[in-house]
C-alpha cells in the first residue's frame, strides 16, 4: 500500500532566504504577507524593539491575489541560517519555537481570505522577563492549507507558505562576536610534477557567537615559503545576515594552487567592529614526489641506524655483545 508523503515546501525558501532584505513584501505570486498599515511592499518586514517582560501588539496583512478564496494557518516561527548556503529560513509549524516564534500569538490562527482581497489580523508579541537581550529574528507565516500533488512517480503532496520577516531586538547589552573555526584544505594534486593543473578547496565554519545579527566579510590569504603571497582575495558566497548563535559551513575553491610549496592559508572574518582569524598549514607535493618521499625517508632512516650499529659494534666484535 503506497502511503502519501506530505512535504512542507516553504515558499519562504524563495521569499525569506537569500541576500540582504529587499524592499518588497514576502509573496509567491498567489499571496503575500506583510505588516499592516502599509502599502504592499512599502513596509516589507517587522522591525521591533521590546524590553524583557513586556508585550506589544501589531497587525499582519495577508493578501490573496488569486481568483478563489484561500485558507491559511497563521503562526510565528523562529529564523535560522540554512546549512546549504547560510540563507535566511524559518522553522515549520511542527518544529519547536524558542524565540520570536514562541512569543508571537496571532489573534486568529486560521484565516480565510476572499479572492483578490486582503485580511488583517492583530497579533501580540510577549517577551519573557528572562529573555536574553539581543536579536531574536523570526517570521509571521501564512501556510496554505491546500496540499498540491507534486507530480512524480512517488505519491507526494506539497504545502506552501509565505512569511514576513520579524527583526526583533530584546533591549539590553549587545555583544557582537564572530569566530572562524575548523579550517581544512583539500588539495587536488597532479600525479607528475608540472603535468596538469592543481587546485584546492578551503572549507571553514563561520560562527556567530554573539547576540546580534552580523553582516560578515571574509578575506582569504595564502602564503608560501619565505612569506610569499600566493593568493589574496575577498570571498563571495558569505551570507549577508549571520543570525545570532548560528554557524554555517562554507567552501572556497583555490584554482592554480601550488604544486610544490609549504605555507599557510589564513581566513579573516570581520563585522561590526569585530575581527577574527583562523589559519591552516599546507604542504603541496605532487603524488609522485610524495610517494618518493614516503619510500626514501624510511629507507634512509633504516640505513642510518644500520651504519650506526656497525660503528658501535667495532671490528671483530660480535654484534650481539656490542
C-alpha atoms as a PDB file:
ATOM      1  CA  UNK A   1       0.000   0.000   0.000  1.00  0.00           C
ATOM      2  CA  UNK A   2       1.508   3.255  -1.063  1.00  0.00           C
ATOM      3  CA  UNK A   3       1.495   5.906   1.589  1.00  0.00           C
ATOM      4  CA  UNK A   4       1.210   9.526   0.666  1.00  0.00           C
ATOM      5  CA  UNK A   5       4.078  11.703   1.731  1.00  0.00           C
ATOM      6  CA  UNK A   6       3.305  15.294   2.555  1.00  0.00           C
ATOM      7  CA  UNK A   7       6.196  17.671   2.235  1.00  0.00           C
ATOM      8  CA  UNK A   8       6.184  21.187   3.625  1.00  0.00           C
ATOM      9  CA  UNK A   9       7.878  23.260   0.960  1.00  0.00           C
ATOM     10  CA  UNK A  10       8.067  26.779   2.309  1.00  0.00           C
ATOM     11  CA  UNK A  11       7.893  29.480  -0.257  1.00  0.00           C
ATOM     12  CA  UNK A  12       9.928  31.193   2.411  1.00  0.00           C
ATOM     13  CA  UNK A  13      12.832  29.398   0.787  1.00  0.00           C
ATOM     14  CA  UNK A  14      12.284  31.853  -2.019  1.00  0.00           C
ATOM     15  CA  UNK A  15      10.983  34.795  -0.022  1.00  0.00           C
ATOM     16  CA  UNK A  16      12.917  34.612   3.220  1.00  0.00           C
ATOM     17  CA  UNK A  17      16.195  33.176   2.029  1.00  0.00           C
ATOM     18  CA  UNK A  18      18.856  34.978   0.098  1.00  0.00           C
ATOM     19  CA  UNK A  19      20.815  38.153   0.389  1.00  0.00           C
ATOM     20  CA  UNK A  20      20.091  41.309   2.322  1.00  0.00           C
ATOM     21  CA  UNK A  21      16.445  42.246   2.826  1.00  0.00           C
ATOM     22  CA  UNK A  22      14.868  43.715  -0.278  1.00  0.00           C
ATOM     23  CA  UNK A  23      12.187  46.397  -0.229  1.00  0.00           C
ATOM     24  CA  UNK A  24       9.404  44.062  -1.319  1.00  0.00           C
ATOM     25  CA  UNK A  25       6.694  42.196   0.516  1.00  0.00           C
ATOM     26  CA  UNK A  26       7.027  38.456   1.064  1.00  0.00           C
ATOM     27  CA  UNK A  27       4.992  36.856  -1.704  1.00  0.00           C
ATOM     28  CA  UNK A  28       4.951  33.966  -4.153  1.00  0.00           C
ATOM     29  CA  UNK A  29       2.690  35.368  -6.851  1.00  0.00           C
ATOM     30  CA  UNK A  30      -0.506  33.960  -5.292  1.00  0.00           C
ATOM     31  CA  UNK A  31      -0.465  35.515  -1.838  1.00  0.00           C
ATOM     32  CA  UNK A  32       1.596  37.999   0.150  1.00  0.00           C
ATOM     33  CA  UNK A  33       2.291  38.594   3.847  1.00  0.00           C
ATOM     34  CA  UNK A  34       3.417  41.971   5.164  1.00  0.00           C
ATOM     35  CA  UNK A  35       2.967  44.404   8.062  1.00  0.00           C
ATOM     36  CA  UNK A  36      -0.379  46.180   8.162  1.00  0.00           C
ATOM     37  CA  UNK A  37      -0.824  49.945   7.868  1.00  0.00           C
ATOM     38  CA  UNK A  38       1.431  49.905   4.823  1.00  0.00           C
ATOM     39  CA  UNK A  39       1.012  49.612   1.108  1.00  0.00           C
ATOM     40  CA  UNK A  40       2.076  46.311  -0.388  1.00  0.00           C
ATOM     41  CA  UNK A  41       5.874  46.316  -0.313  1.00  0.00           C
ATOM     42  CA  UNK A  42       6.358  49.691   1.400  1.00  0.00           C
ATOM     43  CA  UNK A  43       6.971  48.089   4.798  1.00  0.00           C
ATOM     44  CA  UNK A  44       8.022  44.548   3.943  1.00  0.00           C
ATOM     45  CA  UNK A  45       9.265  43.452   7.378  1.00  0.00           C
ATOM     46  CA  UNK A  46       8.549  43.978  11.064  1.00  0.00           C
ATOM     47  CA  UNK A  47      11.278  45.845  12.944  1.00  0.00           C
ATOM     48  CA  UNK A  48      10.501  45.573  16.665  1.00  0.00           C
ATOM     49  CA  UNK A  49      12.311  46.575  19.850  1.00  0.00           C
ATOM     50  CA  UNK A  50      10.955  45.321  23.192  1.00  0.00           C
ATOM     51  CA  UNK A  51      12.049  45.289  26.819  1.00  0.00           C
ATOM     52  CA  UNK A  52      12.173  41.921  28.603  1.00  0.00           C
ATOM     53  CA  UNK A  53       8.917  41.147  30.381  1.00  0.00           C
ATOM     54  CA  UNK A  54       6.787  43.414  28.190  1.00  0.00           C
ATOM     55  CA  UNK A  55       4.368  42.994  25.307  1.00  0.00           C
ATOM     56  CA  UNK A  56       3.419  44.839  22.164  1.00  0.00           C
ATOM     57  CA  UNK A  57       0.668  44.495  19.584  1.00  0.00           C
ATOM     58  CA  UNK A  58       0.867  44.851  15.833  1.00  0.00           C
ATOM     59  CA  UNK A  59      -1.041  43.645  12.791  1.00  0.00           C
ATOM     60  CA  UNK A  60      -0.196  41.492   9.809  1.00  0.00           C
ATOM     61  CA  UNK A  61      -1.927  41.539   6.432  1.00  0.00           C
ATOM     62  CA  UNK A  62      -2.434  38.542   4.157  1.00  0.00           C
ATOM     63  CA  UNK A  63      -3.346  39.340   0.549  1.00  0.00           C
ATOM     64  CA  UNK A  64      -4.922  36.792  -1.790  1.00  0.00           C
ATOM     65  CA  UNK A  65      -4.018  37.509  -5.415  1.00  0.00           C
ATOM     66  CA  UNK A  66      -5.915  34.572  -6.915  1.00  0.00           C
ATOM     67  CA  UNK A  67      -9.482  34.293  -8.237  1.00  0.00           C
ATOM     68  CA  UNK A  68     -10.603  31.887  -5.486  1.00  0.00           C
ATOM     69  CA  UNK A  69     -10.707  32.020  -1.663  1.00  0.00           C
ATOM     70  CA  UNK A  70      -7.635  30.728   0.179  1.00  0.00           C
ATOM     71  CA  UNK A  71      -7.401  29.490   3.757  1.00  0.00           C
ATOM     72  CA  UNK A  72      -4.176  29.806   5.746  1.00  0.00           C
ATOM     73  CA  UNK A  73      -2.679  28.710   9.033  1.00  0.00           C
ATOM     74  CA  UNK A  74      -1.093  31.766  10.639  1.00  0.00           C
ATOM     75  CA  UNK A  75       1.770  31.233  13.094  1.00  0.00           C
ATOM     76  CA  UNK A  76       5.030  32.690  14.385  1.00  0.00           C
ATOM     77  CA  UNK A  77       8.337  30.991  13.578  1.00  0.00           C
ATOM     78  CA  UNK A  78      11.979  31.262  14.600  1.00  0.00           C
ATOM     79  CA  UNK A  79      14.527  32.063  11.904  1.00  0.00           C
ATOM     80  CA  UNK A  80      17.844  30.325  11.252  1.00  0.00           C
ATOM     81  CA  UNK A  81      20.626  30.116   8.674  1.00  0.00           C
ATOM     82  CA  UNK A  82      20.398  27.185   6.294  1.00  0.00           C
ATOM     83  CA  UNK A  83      23.222  24.660   6.033  1.00  0.00           C
ATOM     84  CA  UNK A  84      23.112  24.867   2.246  1.00  0.00           C
ATOM     85  CA  UNK A  85      24.180  28.483   1.779  1.00  0.00           C
ATOM     86  CA  UNK A  86      23.524  30.317   5.035  1.00  0.00           C
ATOM     87  CA  UNK A  87      20.292  31.857   3.741  1.00  0.00           C
ATOM     88  CA  UNK A  88      17.510  33.167   5.968  1.00  0.00           C
ATOM     89  CA  UNK A  89      14.897  30.457   6.623  1.00  0.00           C
ATOM     90  CA  UNK A  90      12.205  29.763   9.228  1.00  0.00           C
ATOM     91  CA  UNK A  91      11.065  26.779  11.271  1.00  0.00           C
ATOM     92  CA  UNK A  92       7.991  24.824  10.295  1.00  0.00           C
ATOM     93  CA  UNK A  93       4.899  24.833  12.457  1.00  0.00           C
ATOM     94  CA  UNK A  94       5.755  21.351  13.744  1.00  0.00           C
ATOM     95  CA  UNK A  95       9.203  22.359  14.970  1.00  0.00           C
ATOM     96  CA  UNK A  96       9.875  23.705  18.450  1.00  0.00           C
ATOM     97  CA  UNK A  97       9.993  27.504  18.635  1.00  0.00           C
ATOM     98  CA  UNK A  98      12.163  29.087  21.342  1.00  0.00           C
ATOM     99  CA  UNK A  99      12.406  32.777  20.419  1.00  0.00           C
ATOM    100  CA  UNK A 100      10.195  35.107  18.393  1.00  0.00           C
ATOM    101  CA  UNK A 101       8.211  32.128  17.109  1.00  0.00           C
ATOM    102  CA  UNK A 102       7.221  31.149  20.646  1.00  0.00           C
ATOM    103  CA  UNK A 103       6.376  34.702  21.682  1.00  0.00           C
ATOM    104  CA  UNK A 104       4.119  35.655  18.746  1.00  0.00           C
ATOM    105  CA  UNK A 105       0.402  34.947  19.208  1.00  0.00           C
ATOM    106  CA  UNK A 106      -1.926  35.835  16.294  1.00  0.00           C
ATOM    107  CA  UNK A 107      -5.488  36.690  17.286  1.00  0.00           C
ATOM    108  CA  UNK A 108      -6.612  34.127  14.689  1.00  0.00           C
ATOM    109  CA  UNK A 109      -4.542  31.121  13.727  1.00  0.00           C
ATOM    110  CA  UNK A 110      -6.813  30.183  10.803  1.00  0.00           C
ATOM    111  CA  UNK A 111      -7.886  32.788   8.299  1.00  0.00           C
ATOM    112  CA  UNK A 112      -9.801  32.613   5.002  1.00  0.00           C
ATOM    113  CA  UNK A 113      -9.028  35.380   2.528  1.00  0.00           C
ATOM    114  CA  UNK A 114     -11.577  36.006  -0.276  1.00  0.00           C
ATOM    115  CA  UNK A 115     -10.443  36.177  -3.881  1.00  0.00           C
ATOM    116  CA  UNK A 116      -8.386  39.270  -4.728  1.00  0.00           C
ATOM    117  CA  UNK A 117      -8.792  40.587  -1.208  1.00  0.00           C
ATOM    118  CA  UNK A 118      -6.784  41.122   1.966  1.00  0.00           C
ATOM    119  CA  UNK A 119      -7.371  40.274   5.615  1.00  0.00           C
ATOM    120  CA  UNK A 120      -5.576  41.960   8.502  1.00  0.00           C
ATOM    121  CA  UNK A 121      -5.022  40.023  11.748  1.00  0.00           C
ATOM    122  CA  UNK A 122      -3.776  41.554  15.027  1.00  0.00           C
ATOM    123  CA  UNK A 123      -1.121  39.699  16.970  1.00  0.00           C
ATOM    124  CA  UNK A 124       0.586  40.060  20.342  1.00  0.00           C
ATOM    125  CA  UNK A 125       4.282  39.596  20.986  1.00  0.00           C
ATOM    126  CA  UNK A 126       5.090  38.878  24.629  1.00  0.00           C
ATOM    127  CA  UNK A 127       8.752  38.714  25.643  1.00  0.00           C
ATOM    128  CA  UNK A 128       9.529  36.732  28.818  1.00  0.00           C
ATOM    129  CA  UNK A 129      11.196  38.578  31.673  1.00  0.00           C
ATOM    130  CA  UNK A 130      14.215  36.266  31.486  1.00  0.00           C
ATOM    131  CA  UNK A 131      14.667  36.579  27.709  1.00  0.00           C
ATOM    132  CA  UNK A 132      18.253  37.054  26.594  1.00  0.00           C
ATOM    133  CA  UNK A 133      18.997  40.524  25.228  1.00  0.00           C
ATOM    134  CA  UNK A 134      19.892  40.897  21.581  1.00  0.00           C
ATOM    135  CA  UNK A 135      18.364  39.843  18.282  1.00  0.00           C
ATOM    136  CA  UNK A 136      15.695  37.133  18.006  1.00  0.00           C
ATOM    137  CA  UNK A 137      14.777  37.022  14.298  1.00  0.00           C
ATOM    138  CA  UNK A 138      11.685  35.196  13.118  1.00  0.00           C
ATOM    139  CA  UNK A 139       8.672  35.484  10.834  1.00  0.00           C
ATOM    140  CA  UNK A 140       4.896  35.600  10.699  1.00  0.00           C
ATOM    141  CA  UNK A 141       3.999  32.746   8.353  1.00  0.00           C
ATOM    142  CA  UNK A 142       0.836  32.120   6.321  1.00  0.00           C
ATOM    143  CA  UNK A 143       0.723  28.401   5.470  1.00  0.00           C
ATOM    144  CA  UNK A 144      -1.650  27.391   2.685  1.00  0.00           C
ATOM    145  CA  UNK A 145      -3.948  24.591   3.853  1.00  0.00           C
ATOM    146  CA  UNK A 146      -4.107  23.085   0.370  1.00  0.00           C
ATOM    147  CA  UNK A 147      -1.924  20.089  -0.376  1.00  0.00           C
ATOM    148  CA  UNK A 148      -0.964  20.065  -4.020  1.00  0.00           C
ATOM    149  CA  UNK A 149       0.296  16.973  -5.858  1.00  0.00           C
ATOM    150  CA  UNK A 150       3.959  17.205  -6.779  1.00  0.00           C
ATOM    151  CA  UNK A 151       3.544  15.025  -9.844  1.00  0.00           C
ATOM    152  CA  UNK A 152       6.198  12.312  -9.601  1.00  0.00           C
ATOM    153  CA  UNK A 153       6.317   8.544  -9.581  1.00  0.00           C
ATOM    154  CA  UNK A 154       6.024   8.644  -5.780  1.00  0.00           C
ATOM    155  CA  UNK A 155       2.780   9.956  -4.325  1.00  0.00           C
ATOM    156  CA  UNK A 156       3.772  13.233  -2.737  1.00  0.00           C
ATOM    157  CA  UNK A 157       1.987  16.348  -1.617  1.00  0.00           C
ATOM    158  CA  UNK A 158       3.351  19.861  -1.273  1.00  0.00           C
ATOM    159  CA  UNK A 159       2.274  22.617   1.087  1.00  0.00           C
ATOM    160  CA  UNK A 160       3.479  26.158   0.538  1.00  0.00           C
ATOM    161  CA  UNK A 161       3.972  29.053   2.904  1.00  0.00           C
ATOM    162  CA  UNK A 162       4.995  32.690   2.795  1.00  0.00           C
ATOM    163  CA  UNK A 163       6.310  34.598   5.786  1.00  0.00           C
ATOM    164  CA  UNK A 164       7.037  38.232   6.610  1.00  0.00           C
ATOM    165  CA  UNK A 165      10.316  38.561   8.466  1.00  0.00           C
ATOM    166  CA  UNK A 166      10.317  39.775  12.063  1.00  0.00           C
ATOM    167  CA  UNK A 167      13.504  41.537  13.137  1.00  0.00           C
ATOM    168  CA  UNK A 168      13.058  41.567  16.904  1.00  0.00           C
ATOM    169  CA  UNK A 169      15.563  43.025  19.346  1.00  0.00           C
ATOM    170  CA  UNK A 170      15.200  42.477  23.069  1.00  0.00           C
ATOM    171  CA  UNK A 171      16.669  45.544  24.746  1.00  0.00           C
ATOM    172  CA  UNK A 172      19.818  45.098  26.798  1.00  0.00           C
ATOM    173  CA  UNK A 173      23.568  44.677  26.271  1.00  0.00           C
ATOM    174  CA  UNK A 174      24.569  43.699  22.743  1.00  0.00           C
ATOM    175  CA  UNK A 175      27.679  41.610  22.225  1.00  0.00           C
ATOM    176  CA  UNK A 176      28.909  41.115  18.651  1.00  0.00           C
ATOM    177  CA  UNK A 177      31.231  38.119  18.411  1.00  0.00           C
ATOM    178  CA  UNK A 178      32.481  36.132  15.437  1.00  0.00           C
ATOM    179  CA  UNK A 179      34.719  33.081  15.023  1.00  0.00           C
ATOM    180  CA  UNK A 180      36.369  31.229  12.140  1.00  0.00           C
ATOM    181  CA  UNK A 181      36.516  27.548  13.040  1.00  0.00           C
ATOM    182  CA  UNK A 182      37.537  24.141  11.659  1.00  0.00           C
ATOM    183  CA  UNK A 183      39.537  25.299   8.639  1.00  0.00           C
ATOM    184  CA  UNK A 184      40.586  22.474   6.307  1.00  0.00           C
ATOM    185  CA  UNK A 185      42.416  22.370   2.992  1.00  0.00           C
ATOM    186  CA  UNK A 186      41.796  19.562   0.483  1.00  0.00           C
ATOM    187  CA  UNK A 187      44.301  19.519  -2.399  1.00  0.00           C
ATOM    188  CA  UNK A 188      43.826  18.110  -5.882  1.00  0.00           C
ATOM    189  CA  UNK A 189      47.394  17.444  -6.987  1.00  0.00           C
ATOM    190  CA  UNK A 190      48.776  16.081 -10.280  1.00  0.00           C
ATOM    191  CA  UNK A 191      50.493  12.715 -10.387  1.00  0.00           C
ATOM    192  CA  UNK A 192      53.629  14.023 -12.089  1.00  0.00           C
ATOM    193  CA  UNK A 193      55.174  17.415 -11.249  1.00  0.00           C
ATOM    194  CA  UNK A 194      54.386  20.054 -13.854  1.00  0.00           C
ATOM    195  CA  UNK A 195      51.858  17.905 -15.698  1.00  0.00           C
ATOM    196  CA  UNK A 196      48.288  19.185 -15.364  1.00  0.00           C
ATOM    197  CA  UNK A 197      46.899  21.869 -13.122  1.00  0.00           C
ATOM    198  CA  UNK A 198      46.280  21.766  -9.413  1.00  0.00           C
ATOM    199  CA  UNK A 199      43.588  23.185  -7.166  1.00  0.00           C
ATOM    200  CA  UNK A 200      42.497  23.158  -3.567  1.00  0.00           C
ATOM    201  CA  UNK A 201      39.261  23.584  -1.626  1.00  0.00           C
ATOM    202  CA  UNK A 202      39.308  25.620   1.571  1.00  0.00           C
ATOM    203  CA  UNK A 203      36.470  24.714   3.970  1.00  0.00           C
ATOM    204  CA  UNK A 204      35.651  26.660   7.107  1.00  0.00           C
ATOM    205  CA  UNK A 205      32.904  27.284   9.654  1.00  0.00           C
ATOM    206  CA  UNK A 206      31.694  30.820  10.288  1.00  0.00           C
ATOM    207  CA  UNK A 207      30.191  31.068  13.777  1.00  0.00           C
ATOM    208  CA  UNK A 208      28.202  33.991  15.164  1.00  0.00           C
ATOM    209  CA  UNK A 209      28.924  33.603  18.863  1.00  0.00           C
ATOM    210  CA  UNK A 210      27.272  36.870  19.861  1.00  0.00           C
ATOM    211  CA  UNK A 211      23.681  38.026  20.343  1.00  0.00           C
ATOM    212  CA  UNK A 212      23.259  40.337  17.335  1.00  0.00           C
ATOM    213  CA  UNK A 213      22.882  39.686  13.613  1.00  0.00           C
ATOM    214  CA  UNK A 214      26.113  40.231  11.681  1.00  0.00           C
ATOM    215  CA  UNK A 215      26.949  41.082   8.081  1.00  0.00           C
ATOM    216  CA  UNK A 216      30.330  39.332   7.854  1.00  0.00           C
ATOM    217  CA  UNK A 217      33.077  39.790   5.300  1.00  0.00           C
ATOM    218  CA  UNK A 218      35.728  37.106   4.824  1.00  0.00           C
ATOM    219  CA  UNK A 219      39.171  37.547   3.249  1.00  0.00           C
ATOM    220  CA  UNK A 220      41.490  34.709   2.272  1.00  0.00           C
ATOM    221  CA  UNK A 221      45.275  34.946   2.143  1.00  0.00           C
ATOM    222  CA  UNK A 222      47.679  32.141   1.231  1.00  0.00           C
ATOM    223  CA  UNK A 223      51.409  32.410   1.859  1.00  0.00           C
ATOM    224  CA  UNK A 224      54.147  30.045   0.699  1.00  0.00           C
ATOM    225  CA  UNK A 225      57.769  29.588   1.676  1.00  0.00           C
ATOM    226  CA  UNK A 226      59.593  32.730   2.819  1.00  0.00           C
ATOM    227  CA  UNK A 227      56.291  34.595   3.212  1.00  0.00           C
ATOM    228  CA  UNK A 228      55.497  34.775  -0.497  1.00  0.00           C
ATOM    229  CA  UNK A 229      51.874  35.800  -1.132  1.00  0.00           C
ATOM    230  CA  UNK A 230      50.237  33.164  -3.303  1.00  0.00           C
ATOM    231  CA  UNK A 231      46.643  34.362  -3.078  1.00  0.00           C
ATOM    232  CA  UNK A 232      44.753  37.278  -1.518  1.00  0.00           C
ATOM    233  CA  UNK A 233      41.088  37.974  -2.150  1.00  0.00           C
ATOM    234  CA  UNK A 234      37.719  38.686  -0.554  1.00  0.00           C
ATOM    235  CA  UNK A 235      35.411  35.688  -0.590  1.00  0.00           C
ATOM    236  CA  UNK A 236      31.944  35.542  -2.131  1.00  0.00           C
ATOM    237  CA  UNK A 237      29.073  33.353  -1.022  1.00  0.00           C
ATOM    238  CA  UNK A 238      29.170  34.700   2.525  1.00  0.00           C
ATOM    239  CA  UNK A 239      25.624  35.298   3.884  1.00  0.00           C
ATOM    240  CA  UNK A 240      24.683  38.921   4.383  1.00  0.00           C
ATOM    241  CA  UNK A 241      22.857  38.013   7.595  1.00  0.00           C
ATOM    242  CA  UNK A 242      24.534  35.621  10.002  1.00  0.00           C
ATOM    243  CA  UNK A 243      21.996  35.260  12.791  1.00  0.00           C
ATOM    244  CA  UNK A 244      22.920  35.060  16.489  1.00  0.00           C
ATOM    245  CA  UNK A 245      24.239  31.696  17.719  1.00  0.00           C
ATOM    246  CA  UNK A 246      24.227  30.315  14.182  1.00  0.00           C
ATOM    247  CA  UNK A 247      27.121  28.637  12.400  1.00  0.00           C
ATOM    248  CA  UNK A 248      27.476  27.746   8.726  1.00  0.00           C
ATOM    249  CA  UNK A 249      29.958  25.664   6.764  1.00  0.00           C
ATOM    250  CA  UNK A 250      31.369  27.355   3.654  1.00  0.00           C
ATOM    251  CA  UNK A 251      33.865  26.382   0.958  1.00  0.00           C
ATOM    252  CA  UNK A 252      36.103  28.286  -1.428  1.00  0.00           C
ATOM    253  CA  UNK A 253      37.957  26.795  -4.401  1.00  0.00           C
ATOM    254  CA  UNK A 254      41.553  27.844  -4.979  1.00  0.00           C
ATOM    255  CA  UNK A 255      42.339  27.229  -8.636  1.00  0.00           C
ATOM    256  CA  UNK A 256      46.004  27.170  -9.573  1.00  0.00           C
ATOM    257  CA  UNK A 257      47.213  26.303  -6.080  1.00  0.00           C
ATOM    258  CA  UNK A 258      50.954  25.487  -5.936  1.00  0.00           C
ATOM    259  CA  UNK A 259      52.279  22.021  -6.746  1.00  0.00           C
ATOM    260  CA  UNK A 260      55.478  22.489  -4.729  1.00  0.00           C
ATOM    261  CA  UNK A 261      55.207  24.677  -1.648  1.00  0.00           C
ATOM    262  CA  UNK A 262      54.799  24.825   2.085  1.00  0.00           C
ATOM    263  CA  UNK A 263      52.860  27.557   3.826  1.00  0.00           C
ATOM    264  CA  UNK A 264      49.681  28.769   5.484  1.00  0.00           C
ATOM    265  CA  UNK A 265      46.146  29.732   4.500  1.00  0.00           C
ATOM    266  CA  UNK A 266      44.613  32.431   6.698  1.00  0.00           C
ATOM    267  CA  UNK A 267      40.949  33.439   6.782  1.00  0.00           C
ATOM    268  CA  UNK A 268      39.999  36.785   8.314  1.00  0.00           C
ATOM    269  CA  UNK A 269      36.337  37.427   9.166  1.00  0.00           C
ATOM    270  CA  UNK A 270      35.169  40.898  10.158  1.00  0.00           C
ATOM    271  CA  UNK A 271      31.836  42.502  11.052  1.00  0.00           C
ATOM    272  CA  UNK A 272      30.602  45.340  13.260  1.00  0.00           C
ATOM    273  CA  UNK A 273      33.997  46.155  14.690  1.00  0.00           C
ATOM    274  CA  UNK A 274      34.977  42.537  15.396  1.00  0.00           C
ATOM    275  CA  UNK A 275      37.721  40.690  13.552  1.00  0.00           C
ATOM    276  CA  UNK A 276      38.835  37.091  13.942  1.00  0.00           C
ATOM    277  CA  UNK A 277      41.309  34.943  12.025  1.00  0.00           C
ATOM    278  CA  UNK A 278      41.934  31.254  11.547  1.00  0.00           C
ATOM    279  CA  UNK A 279      44.894  29.528   9.912  1.00  0.00           C
ATOM    280  CA  UNK A 280      45.655  26.125   8.428  1.00  0.00           C
ATOM    281  CA  UNK A 281      49.086  24.973   7.198  1.00  0.00           C
ATOM    282  CA  UNK A 282      49.633  23.059   3.966  1.00  0.00           C
ATOM    283  CA  UNK A 283      52.349  21.065   2.230  1.00  0.00           C
ATOM    284  CA  UNK A 284      51.927  20.893  -1.539  1.00  0.00           C
ATOM    285  CA  UNK A 285      53.639  17.969  -3.293  1.00  0.00           C
ATOM    286  CA  UNK A 286      52.698  16.072  -6.459  1.00  0.00           C
ATOM    287  CA  UNK A 287      51.700  12.478  -5.770  1.00  0.00           C
ATOM    288  CA  UNK A 288      54.867  11.093  -7.381  1.00  0.00           C
ATOM    289  CA  UNK A 289      57.102  13.289  -5.245  1.00  0.00           C
ATOM    290  CA  UNK A 290      55.109  12.416  -2.125  1.00  0.00           C
ATOM    291  CA  UNK A 291      55.472   8.712  -2.924  1.00  0.00           C
ATOM    292  CA  UNK A 292      59.234   9.044  -3.369  1.00  0.00           C
ATOM    293  CA  UNK A 293      59.498  10.783  -0.017  1.00  0.00           C
ATOM    294  CA  UNK A 294      57.420   8.103   1.674  1.00  0.00           C
ATOM    295  CA  UNK A 295      59.878   5.496   0.410  1.00  0.00           C
ATOM    296  CA  UNK A 296      63.083   7.490   0.725  1.00  0.00           C
ATOM    297  CA  UNK A 297      62.650   8.789   4.262  1.00  0.00           C
ATOM    298  CA  UNK A 298      62.082   5.392   5.985  1.00  0.00           C
ATOM    299  CA  UNK A 299      64.824   3.787   3.837  1.00  0.00           C
ATOM    300  CA  UNK A 300      67.322   6.496   4.714  1.00  0.00           C
ATOM    301  CA  UNK A 301      66.444   6.250   8.379  1.00  0.00           C
ATOM    302  CA  UNK A 302      66.908   2.456   8.338  1.00  0.00           C
ATOM    303  CA  UNK A 303      70.289   2.783   6.578  1.00  0.00           C
ATOM    304  CA  UNK A 304      71.418   5.340   9.154  1.00  0.00           C
ATOM    305  CA  UNK A 305      70.538   3.001  12.015  1.00  0.00           C
ATOM    306  CA  UNK A 306      72.406   0.095  10.394  1.00  0.00           C
ATOM    307  CA  UNK A 307      75.554   2.207   9.890  1.00  0.00           C
ATOM    308  CA  UNK A 308      75.348   3.362  13.477  1.00  0.00           C
ATOM    309  CA  UNK A 309      75.082  -0.185  14.772  1.00  0.00           C
ATOM    310  CA  UNK A 310      78.150  -1.262  12.742  1.00  0.00           C
ATOM    311  CA  UNK A 311      80.095   1.691  14.095  1.00  0.00           C
ATOM    312  CA  UNK A 312      79.163   0.831  17.677  1.00  0.00           C
ATOM    313  CA  UNK A 313      79.998  -2.868  17.331  1.00  0.00           C
ATOM    314  CA  UNK A 314      83.578  -2.189  16.061  1.00  0.00           C
ATOM    315  CA  UNK A 315      85.823  -4.618  14.173  1.00  0.00           C
ATOM    316  CA  UNK A 316      85.941  -8.212  15.424  1.00  0.00           C
ATOM    317  CA  UNK A 317      83.100  -7.737  17.848  1.00  0.00           C
ATOM    318  CA  UNK A 318      80.024  -9.864  17.891  1.00  0.00           C
ATOM    319  CA  UNK A 319      77.089  -7.529  17.197  1.00  0.00           C
ATOM    320  CA  UNK A 320      75.052  -9.057  19.981  1.00  0.00           C
ATOM    321  CA  UNK A 321      77.765  -8.157  22.529  1.00  0.00           C
ATOM    322  CA  UNK A 322      78.175  -4.576  21.485  1.00  0.00           C
END
